[in-house]
C-alpha cells in the first residue's frame, strides 16, 4: 500500500495542536498572573503539609512498584482497546492470543505486585 503525504495530515495536525495548545495555556497564564516576590515558605517542598525528609530517591523506590504496575495495566488496556476495535476483522486464533495475553499479563502483574509489596 502506497501512502501519500495527505495520509499523514491528521497526525501532523494532532501533533501541532498537542504541542501548541498546552504551550499557549502556559503562556496565557504567565501573562495574566499576579507578579509577586517569592517568599521562603512558598518555595519549600512539602509532603502532605509536612516538611520533606530524606532524599527523593527513597520516595521513588518506595512507590516504584506501583508505577510499574500502573504502566503494565495501561499497556494491557491499550492492547485491549485496539483489539476491541479490530476484533471482528481478525481471525479467531489472533483473538484468542490477545485474550490470553490480557489474562496472562494481568495475572502476572498481580503476582508481581504481591511480591513487591510483601513485607518480610
Protein backbone atom coordinates (compact mmCIF):
# COMPACT_ATOMS: atom_id res chain seq x y z
CA UNK A 1 0.00 0.00 0.00
CA UNK A 2 1.40 3.36 -1.03
CA UNK A 3 0.93 6.17 1.49
CA UNK A 4 0.84 9.75 0.42
CA UNK A 5 1.69 12.86 2.41
CA UNK A 6 -2.01 13.68 2.76
CA UNK A 7 -2.43 10.46 4.78
CA UNK A 8 -0.27 11.94 7.50
CA UNK A 9 -2.09 15.28 7.61
CA UNK A 10 -4.34 14.28 10.52
CA UNK A 11 -1.34 13.09 12.54
CA UNK A 12 0.54 16.29 11.78
CA UNK A 13 -2.44 18.44 12.83
CA UNK A 14 -2.77 16.43 16.05
CA UNK A 15 0.94 16.79 16.88
CA UNK A 16 0.94 20.53 16.23
CA UNK A 17 -2.24 21.01 18.27
CA UNK A 18 -0.96 18.86 21.15
CA UNK A 19 2.23 20.96 21.33
CA UNK A 20 0.74 24.41 20.81
CA UNK A 21 -2.36 24.13 22.98
CA UNK A 22 -0.61 23.46 26.34
CA UNK A 23 2.13 25.95 25.47
CA UNK A 24 -0.46 28.65 24.74
CA UNK A 25 -2.25 27.95 28.05
CA UNK A 26 1.02 28.24 29.97
CA UNK A 27 1.93 31.46 28.18
CA UNK A 28 -1.53 32.94 28.79
CA UNK A 29 -1.30 32.00 32.48
CA UNK A 30 2.10 33.64 32.76
CA UNK A 31 0.79 36.82 31.16
CA UNK A 32 -2.25 37.28 33.41
CA UNK A 33 -0.97 36.06 36.80
CA UNK A 34 -0.14 38.47 39.58
CA UNK A 35 3.56 39.24 39.89
CA UNK A 36 4.95 38.98 43.41
CA UNK A 37 8.24 38.31 45.13
CA UNK A 38 8.61 34.70 46.24
CA UNK A 39 8.70 34.15 49.97
CA UNK A 40 10.67 31.33 51.62
CA UNK A 41 7.56 29.40 52.63
CA UNK A 42 6.17 29.23 49.10
CA UNK A 43 9.37 27.70 47.72
CA UNK A 44 9.69 24.90 50.30
CA UNK A 45 8.94 21.30 49.39
CA UNK A 46 6.02 19.79 51.26
CA UNK A 47 4.62 16.28 51.51
CA UNK A 48 1.09 16.27 52.93
CA UNK A 49 1.68 19.62 54.64
CA UNK A 50 4.85 18.36 56.31
CA UNK A 51 8.41 19.30 55.55
CA UNK A 52 10.20 16.79 53.34
CA UNK A 53 12.63 14.44 55.00
CA UNK A 54 15.15 12.21 53.33
CA UNK A 55 16.07 12.07 49.70
CA UNK A 56 13.77 11.96 46.74
CA UNK A 57 15.23 8.67 45.55
CA UNK A 58 13.94 6.84 48.62
CA UNK A 59 10.45 8.06 47.83
CA UNK A 60 10.77 6.93 44.24
CA UNK A 61 11.99 3.47 45.26
CA UNK A 62 9.14 3.17 47.69
CA UNK A 63 6.49 3.76 45.02
CA UNK A 64 8.26 2.26 42.03
CA UNK A 65 6.29 -1.00 42.07
CA UNK A 66 3.01 0.96 41.99
CA UNK A 67 4.24 2.90 38.98
CA UNK A 68 5.35 -0.27 37.19
CA UNK A 69 2.00 -1.93 37.92
CA UNK A 70 0.10 1.06 36.59
CA UNK A 71 2.25 1.15 33.47
CA UNK A 72 1.76 -2.56 32.81
CA UNK A 73 -2.01 -2.30 33.23
CA UNK A 74 -2.06 0.73 30.91
CA UNK A 75 -0.24 -1.24 28.21
CA UNK A 76 -2.67 -4.14 28.61
CA UNK A 77 -5.61 -1.72 28.45
CA UNK A 78 -4.24 -0.11 25.27
CA UNK A 79 -3.85 -3.52 23.62
CA UNK A 80 -7.40 -4.47 24.62
CA UNK A 81 -8.82 -1.20 23.28
CA UNK A 82 -7.12 -1.63 19.91
CA UNK A 83 -8.17 -5.28 19.83
CA UNK A 84 -11.79 -4.34 20.60
CA UNK A 85 -11.86 -2.16 17.50
CA UNK A 86 -10.27 -4.79 15.25
CA UNK A 87 -11.72 -7.99 16.78
CA UNK A 88 -14.35 -8.55 14.06
CA UNK A 89 -11.75 -8.46 11.29
CA UNK A 90 -9.18 -10.71 13.00
CA UNK A 91 -9.03 -14.49 12.92
CA UNK A 92 -10.13 -16.50 15.93
CA UNK A 93 -6.52 -17.54 16.65
CA UNK A 94 -5.43 -13.92 16.95
CA UNK A 95 -8.44 -13.09 19.12
CA UNK A 96 -7.63 -15.99 21.47
CA UNK A 97 -3.99 -14.90 21.60
CA UNK A 98 -4.94 -11.33 22.55
CA UNK A 99 -7.33 -12.53 25.25
CA UNK A 100 -4.63 -14.87 26.54
CA UNK A 101 -2.11 -12.02 26.60
CA UNK A 102 -4.50 -9.83 28.57
CA UNK A 103 -5.34 -12.53 31.11
CA UNK A 104 -1.74 -13.73 31.50
CA UNK A 105 -0.40 -10.18 31.73
CA UNK A 106 -2.97 -9.20 34.37
CA UNK A 107 -2.35 -12.30 36.50
CA UNK A 108 1.43 -11.92 36.16
CA UNK A 109 1.23 -8.27 37.15
CA UNK A 110 -0.94 -9.04 40.18
CA UNK A 111 1.62 -11.59 41.38
CA UNK A 112 4.42 -9.10 40.75
CA UNK A 113 2.61 -6.51 42.88
CA UNK A 114 2.03 -9.09 45.61
CA UNK A 115 5.73 -9.99 45.70
CA UNK A 116 6.87 -6.36 45.57
CA UNK A 117 4.62 -5.21 48.41
CA UNK A 118 5.20 -8.23 50.65
CA UNK A 119 6.92 -7.36 53.89
CA UNK A 120 9.48 -9.83 55.24
